[in-house]
Amino acid sequence: MTARFVSAAEMMSRVLGMPGYAFATIGHPVSSATDDELKAMARTAIEQGAKLLVKQ
């Protein structure tokens, strides 16, 4: 999820009965990002996703 759409994702999670659903967030926009910026965003998403998967 890019930062620009976090509020929309949070609303959808509430509508779908899963308030507080956690997800990884990366910078916005993606379409104009350089290869290096995309790699950094991917690393961020992987790190956040890993933390979500092992959250106790």
N, C-alpha and C. Protein backbone atom coordinates (compact mmCIF):
# COMPACT_ATOMS: atom_id res chain seq x y z
N MET A 1 0.84 -1.15 0.00
CA MET A 1 0.00 0.00 0.00
C MET A 1 0.90 1.23 0.00
N THR A 2 0.60 2.19 -0.86
CA THR A 2 1.37 3.43 -0.80
C THR A 2 0.75 4.37 0.22
N ALA A 3 1.58 5.24 0.75
CA ALA A 3 1.15 6.15 1.82
C ALA A 3 -0.10 6.95 1.44
N ARG A 4 -0.23 7.29 0.18
CA ARG A 4 -1.37 8.10 -0.25
C ARG A 4 -2.71 7.38 -0.06
N PHE A 5 -2.70 6.07 -0.10
CA PHE A 5 -3.95 5.31 -0.05
C PHE A 5 -4.21 4.60 1.28
N VAL A 6 -3.45 4.95 2.31
CA VAL A 6 -3.63 4.32 3.61
C VAL A 6 -5.04 4.53 4.15
N SER A 7 -5.55 5.74 4.06
CA SER A 7 -6.90 6.01 4.61
C SER A 7 -7.96 5.19 3.88
N ALA A 8 -7.81 5.03 2.58
CA ALA A 8 -8.76 4.21 1.82
C ALA A 8 -8.68 2.75 2.24
N ALA A 9 -7.48 2.26 2.45
CA ALA A 9 -7.30 0.87 2.88
C ALA A 9 -7.88 0.65 4.27
N GLU A 10 -7.67 1.61 5.16
CA GLU A 10 -8.23 1.50 6.50
C GLU A 10 -9.75 1.49 6.46
N MET A 11 -10.33 2.32 5.61
CA MET A 11 -11.79 2.35 5.47
C MET A 11 -12.29 1.01 4.94
N MET A 12 -11.62 0.47 3.94
CA MET A 12 -12.05 -0.81 3.37
C MET A 12 -11.93 -1.93 4.39
N SER A 13 -10.90 -1.90 5.21
CA SER A 13 -10.77 -2.95 6.22
C SER A 13 -11.93 -2.87 7.22
N ARG A 14 -12.34 -1.65 7.56
CA ARG A 14 -13.49 -1.50 8.46
C ARG A 14 -14.77 -1.99 7.79
N VAL A 15 -14.98 -1.61 6.54
CA VAL A 15 -16.18 -2.01 5.79
C VAL A 15 -16.26 -3.52 5.67
N LEU A 16 -15.11 -4.16 5.50
CA LEU A 16 -15.07 -5.61 5.33
C LEU A 16 -15.03 -6.36 6.66
N GLY A 17 -15.19 -5.63 7.77
CA GLY A 17 -15.27 -6.26 9.08
C GLY A 17 -13.94 -6.61 9.71
N MET A 18 -12.88 -5.95 9.25
CA MET A 18 -11.56 -6.23 9.81
C MET A 18 -10.87 -4.93 10.23
N PRO A 19 -11.50 -4.18 11.14
CA PRO A 19 -10.89 -2.91 11.56
C PRO A 19 -9.52 -3.15 12.18
N GLY A 20 -8.61 -2.26 11.90
CA GLY A 20 -7.27 -2.39 12.45
C GLY A 20 -6.38 -3.36 11.69
N TYR A 21 -6.84 -3.83 10.52
CA TYR A 21 -6.04 -4.74 9.71
C TYR A 21 -4.70 -4.09 9.38
N ALA A 22 -3.64 -4.78 9.64
CA ALA A 22 -2.30 -4.22 9.43
C ALA A 22 -1.78 -4.55 8.04
N PHE A 23 -1.06 -3.61 7.46
CA PHE A 23 -0.47 -3.82 6.14
C PHE A 23 0.80 -2.99 6.03
N ALA A 24 1.65 -3.37 5.10
CA ALA A 24 2.89 -2.64 4.86
C ALA A 24 2.59 -1.39 4.05
N THR A 25 3.35 -0.34 4.31
CA THR A 25 3.16 0.93 3.62
C THR A 25 4.48 1.40 3.04
N ILE A 26 4.43 1.80 1.77
CA ILE A 26 5.62 2.35 1.12
C ILE A 26 5.32 3.76 0.64
N GLY A 27 6.35 4.45 0.18
CA GLY A 27 6.19 5.82 -0.30
C GLY A 27 5.34 5.92 -1.55
N HIS A 28 4.95 7.11 -1.85
CA HIS A 28 4.13 7.41 -3.02
C HIS A 28 4.76 8.60 -3.72
N PRO A 29 4.81 8.62 -5.02
CA PRO A 29 4.27 7.64 -5.97
C PRO A 29 5.30 6.57 -6.32
N VAL A 30 4.81 5.50 -6.90
CA VAL A 30 5.66 4.41 -7.33
C VAL A 30 6.02 4.58 -8.81
N SER A 31 5.08 5.08 -9.58
CA SER A 31 5.26 5.14 -11.04
C SER A 31 6.46 5.97 -11.49
N SER A 32 6.83 6.97 -10.73
CA SER A 32 7.96 7.82 -11.13
C SER A 32 9.24 7.52 -10.35
N ALA A 33 9.23 6.47 -9.57
CA ALA A 33 10.39 6.12 -8.76
C ALA A 33 11.48 5.50 -9.63
N THR A 34 12.72 5.76 -9.26
CA THR A 34 13.85 5.15 -9.96
C THR A 34 13.99 3.69 -9.52
N ASP A 35 14.82 2.95 -10.22
CA ASP A 35 15.05 1.56 -9.84
C ASP A 35 15.56 1.45 -8.41
N ASP A 36 16.49 2.33 -8.04
CA ASP A 36 17.02 2.29 -6.67
C ASP A 36 15.94 2.63 -5.64
N GLU A 37 15.10 3.60 -5.97
CA GLU A 37 14.00 3.95 -5.05
C GLU A 37 13.01 2.79 -4.92
N LEU A 38 12.73 2.11 -6.03
CA LEU A 38 11.83 0.95 -5.97
C LEU A 38 12.42 -0.17 -5.13
N LYS A 39 13.72 -0.38 -5.27
CA LYS A 39 14.39 -1.40 -4.45
C LYS A 39 14.29 -1.06 -2.97
N ALA A 40 14.47 0.21 -2.64
CA ALA A 40 14.36 0.64 -1.24
C ALA A 40 12.94 0.46 -0.73
N MET A 41 11.96 0.78 -1.56
CA MET A 41 10.56 0.59 -1.18
C MET A 41 10.26 -0.88 -0.96
N ALA A 42 10.79 -1.73 -1.83
CA ALA A 42 10.59 -3.17 -1.69
C ALA A 42 11.20 -3.68 -0.38
N ARG A 43 12.40 -3.21 -0.07
CA ARG A 43 13.03 -3.60 1.20
C ARG A 43 12.17 -3.18 2.39
N THR A 44 11.64 -1.97 2.32
CA THR A 44 10.77 -1.47 3.39
C THR A 44 9.55 -2.36 3.54
N ALA A 45 8.91 -2.69 2.42
CA ALA A 45 7.72 -3.53 2.46
C ALA A 45 8.03 -4.92 3.02
N ILE A 46 9.16 -5.47 2.62
CA ILE A 46 9.57 -6.79 3.13
C ILE A 46 9.80 -6.74 4.63
N GLU A 47 10.50 -5.72 5.10
CA GLU A 47 10.75 -5.59 6.54
C GLU A 47 9.45 -5.44 7.32
N GLN A 48 8.56 -4.60 6.83
CA GLN A 48 7.28 -4.40 7.51
C GLN A 48 6.46 -5.68 7.47
N GLY A 49 6.44 -6.33 6.32
CA GLY A 49 5.66 -7.57 6.17
C GLY A 49 6.18 -8.66 7.09
N ALA A 50 7.48 -8.78 7.21
CA ALA A 50 8.06 -9.78 8.10
C ALA A 50 7.64 -9.52 9.54
N LYS A 51 7.66 -8.26 9.94
CA LYS A 51 7.25 -7.92 11.31
C LYS A 51 5.78 -8.26 11.53
N LEU A 52 4.95 -8.05 10.51
CA LEU A 52 3.52 -8.38 10.63
C LEU A 52 3.32 -9.89 10.76
N LEU A 53 4.12 -10.65 10.04
CA LEU A 53 3.96 -12.11 10.06
C LEU A 53 4.38 -12.73 11.38
N VAL A 54 5.35 -12.14 12.05
CA VAL A 54 5.83 -12.73 13.30
C VAL A 54 5.32 -11.98 14.53
N LYS A 55 4.41 -11.04 14.31
CA LYS A 55 3.85 -10.27 15.43
C LYS A 55 3.16 -11.22 16.41
N GLN A 56 3.45 -11.03 17.69
CA GLN A 56 2.87 -11.91 18.70
C GLN A 56 1.81 -11.18 19.49
